[in-house]
Structures are given as C-alpha cells and as structure tokens.
C-alpha atoms as a PDB file:
ATOM      1  CA  MET A   1      41.031  77.012  82.506  1.00  0.00           C
ATOM      2  CA  ASN A   2      38.437  79.782  82.402  1.00  0.00           C
ATOM      3  CA  GLY A   3      37.675  82.621  84.489  1.00  0.00           C
ATOM      4  CA  PRO A   4      39.930  84.979  86.283  1.00  0.00           C
ATOM      5  CA  LEU A   5      43.343  83.692  87.943  1.00  0.00           C
ATOM      6  CA  THR A   6      43.013  83.005  91.585  1.00  0.00           C
ATOM      7  CA  ASN A   7      45.625  84.368  93.893  1.00  0.00           C
ATOM      8  CA  ASP A   8      46.784  80.709  94.478  1.00  0.00           C
ATOM      9  CA  GLU A   9      47.303  80.298  90.788  1.00  0.00           C
ATOM     10  CA  ILE A  10      49.183  83.623  90.508  1.00  0.00           C
ATOM     11  CA  GLU A  11      51.518  82.540  93.379  1.00  0.00           C
ATOM     12  CA  ALA A  12      52.063  79.247  91.774  1.00  0.00           C
ATOM     13  CA  ILE A  13      53.099  81.022  88.637  1.00  0.00           C
ATOM     14  CA  LYS A  14      55.420  83.255  90.610  1.00  0.00           C
ATOM     15  CA  ALA A  15      57.093  80.299  92.343  1.00  0.00           C
ATOM     16  CA  ARG A  16      57.714  78.640  88.993  1.00  0.00           C
ATOM     17  CA  CYS A  17      59.407  81.838  87.802  1.00  0.00           C
ATOM     18  CA  GLU A  18      61.514  82.324  90.814  1.00  0.00           C
ATOM     19  CA  GLN A  19      62.786  78.679  90.741  1.00  0.00           C
ATOM     20  CA  ALA A  20      63.795  78.945  87.121  1.00  0.00           C
ATOM     21  CA  THR A  21      67.222  79.978  86.225  1.00  0.00           C
ATOM     22  CA  ALA A  22      67.877  83.707  86.598  1.00  0.00           C
ATOM     23  CA  GLY A  23      67.147  86.016  83.627  1.00  0.00           C
ATOM     24  CA  PRO A  24      67.319  87.615  81.329  1.00  0.00           C
ATOM     25  CA  TRP A  25      67.269  84.760  78.749  1.00  0.00           C
ATOM     26  CA  LYS A  26      68.128  85.456  75.178  1.00  0.00           C
ATOM     27  CA  SER A  27      67.467  83.407  72.178  1.00  0.00           C
ATOM     28  CA  PHE A  28      70.160  82.939  69.688  1.00  0.00           C
ATOM     29  CA  ILE A  29      69.319  81.702  66.311  1.00  0.00           C
ATOM     30  CA  GLU A  30      72.199  80.709  63.959  1.00  0.00           C
ATOM     31  CA  LYS A  31      70.810  82.139  60.713  1.00  0.00           C
ATOM     32  CA  ARG A  32      69.349  85.050  62.104  1.00  0.00           C
ATOM     33  CA  ASP A  33      72.179  86.128  64.641  1.00  0.00           C
ATOM     34  CA  LYS A  34      75.140  84.848  62.282  1.00  0.00           C
ATOM     35  CA  ILE A  35      76.590  82.624  64.783  1.00  0.00           C
ATOM     36  CA  SER A  36      77.782  79.100  64.006  1.00  0.00           C
ATOM     37  CA  GLY A  37      76.491  76.140  65.906  1.00  0.00           C
ATOM     38  CA  PRO A  38      73.132  75.221  67.195  1.00  0.00           C
ATOM     39  CA  ASP A  39      70.443  77.457  68.095  1.00  0.00           C
ATOM     40  CA  PHE A  40      70.140  78.007  71.828  1.00  0.00           C
ATOM     41  CA  ILE A  41      68.797  80.083  74.693  1.00  0.00           C
ATOM     42  CA  GLN A  42      71.431  81.884  76.846  1.00  0.00           C
ATOM     43  CA  THR A  43      70.598  82.140  80.525  1.00  0.00           C
ATOM     44  CA  GLU A  44      72.527  83.324  83.566  1.00  0.00           C
ATOM     45  CA  GLY A  45      73.368  79.756  84.194  1.00  0.00           C
ATOM     46  CA  GLU A  46      73.603  76.780  81.649  1.00  0.00           C
ATOM     47  CA  ASP A  47      72.594  77.419  77.887  1.00  0.00           C
ATOM     48  CA  ILE A  48      69.452  75.713  76.961  1.00  0.00           C
ATOM     49  CA  TYR A  49      69.331  73.658  73.698  1.00  0.00           C
ATOM     50  CA  LEU A  50      65.873  72.473  72.530  1.00  0.00           C
ATOM     51  CA  THR A  51      65.112  69.768  70.159  1.00  0.00           C
ATOM     52  CA  GLY A  52      61.845  69.582  68.271  1.00  0.00           C
ATOM     53  CA  ALA A  53      61.069  73.163  68.815  1.00  0.00           C
ATOM     54  CA  THR A  54      60.361  75.597  66.109  1.00  0.00           C
ATOM     55  CA  LEU A  55      62.209  78.961  66.217  1.00  0.00           C
ATOM     56  CA  ALA A  56      58.916  80.651  67.364  1.00  0.00           C
ATOM     57  CA  ASP A  57      58.957  78.301  70.142  1.00  0.00           C
ATOM     58  CA  GLN A  58      62.464  79.091  71.193  1.00  0.00           C
ATOM     59  CA  GLU A  59      61.627  82.762  71.000  1.00  0.00           C
ATOM     60  CA  PHE A  60      58.445  82.283  73.094  1.00  0.00           C
ATOM     61  CA  ILE A  61      60.359  80.171  75.857  1.00  0.00           C
ATOM     62  CA  ALA A  62      63.229  82.664  75.926  1.00  0.00           C
ATOM     63  CA  HIS A  63      60.957  85.714  76.263  1.00  0.00           C
ATOM     64  CA  ALA A  64      58.739  84.004  78.718  1.00  0.00           C
ATOM     65  CA  ARG A  65      61.488  84.436  81.547  1.00  0.00           C
ATOM     66  CA  GLN A  66      61.083  88.163  81.255  1.00  0.00           C
ATOM     67  CA  ASP A  67      57.553  88.512  80.026  1.00  0.00           C
ATOM     68  CA  ILE A  68      55.828  86.417  82.779  1.00  0.00           C
ATOM     69  CA  PRO A  69      57.219  88.325  85.885  1.00  0.00           C
ATOM     70  CA  ARG A  70      56.147  91.558  84.013  1.00  0.00           C
ATOM     71  CA  LEU A  71      52.681  90.073  83.353  1.00  0.00           C
ATOM     72  CA  ILE A  72      52.207  89.009  86.912  1.00  0.00           C
ATOM     73  CA  ALA A  73      53.316  92.601  88.256  1.00  0.00           C
ATOM     74  CA  GLU A  74      50.770  94.122  85.846  1.00  0.00           C
ATOM     75  CA  ILE A  75      47.950  91.809  87.058  1.00  0.00           C
ATOM     76  CA  GLU A  76      48.852  92.640  90.735  1.00  0.00           C
ATOM     77  CA  ARG A  77      48.882  96.290  90.069  1.00  0.00           C
ATOM     78  CA  LEU A  78      45.554  96.303  88.244  1.00  0.00           C
ATOM     79  CA  ARG A  79      44.086  94.297  91.007  1.00  0.00           C
ATOM     80  CA  THR A  80      45.245  97.099  93.608  1.00  0.00           C
ATOM     81  CA  VAL A  81      43.994  99.858  91.521  1.00  0.00           C
ATOM     82  CA  ASN A  82      40.566  98.285  90.914  1.00  0.00           C
ATOM     83  CA  ARG A  83      39.838  97.509  94.515  1.00  0.00           C
END
C-alpha cells in the first residue's frame, strides 16, 4: 500500500468509520484508572473487551474511533487547499 490514498480508499475508510459504533470511545485500564474488573473500551453502545491485546493496542483501538475521522477531514481539507 504505497502512494497516495485514492478517493475510493478514503471513501471506504469513511464508510467503515460510519458503520462502527458511535463515539467517542474511551479506554479504561484497571491499574491506570483505578477500576476493578477487566480492561475495556467504553463506547456509545456495548463495551468492548479485548483478549490478547496489549494495553497499547487497546489505547490505539479506542483512540482510532476519534482519530480516523479527524485525519480523513484533514486529508480532505488539504486536498481542497492544494487544488
């Protein structure tokens, strides 16, 4: 996957974001957040519990729900500016 993103690729990424459970998502880690119970990602729907993920993986997944739409918006803004 080299080279610039095509418009079709950006639209596919946007569609996956729109189909995912609404955000924001927040990562809760037992030791860090002083909660009892398993680590999880809180969403606007069902909470997400991961198995086999590192804490960094969980943070990445939780933040991706907010980060990816912002990154897409920035790509689209820059493409408009650079026309």
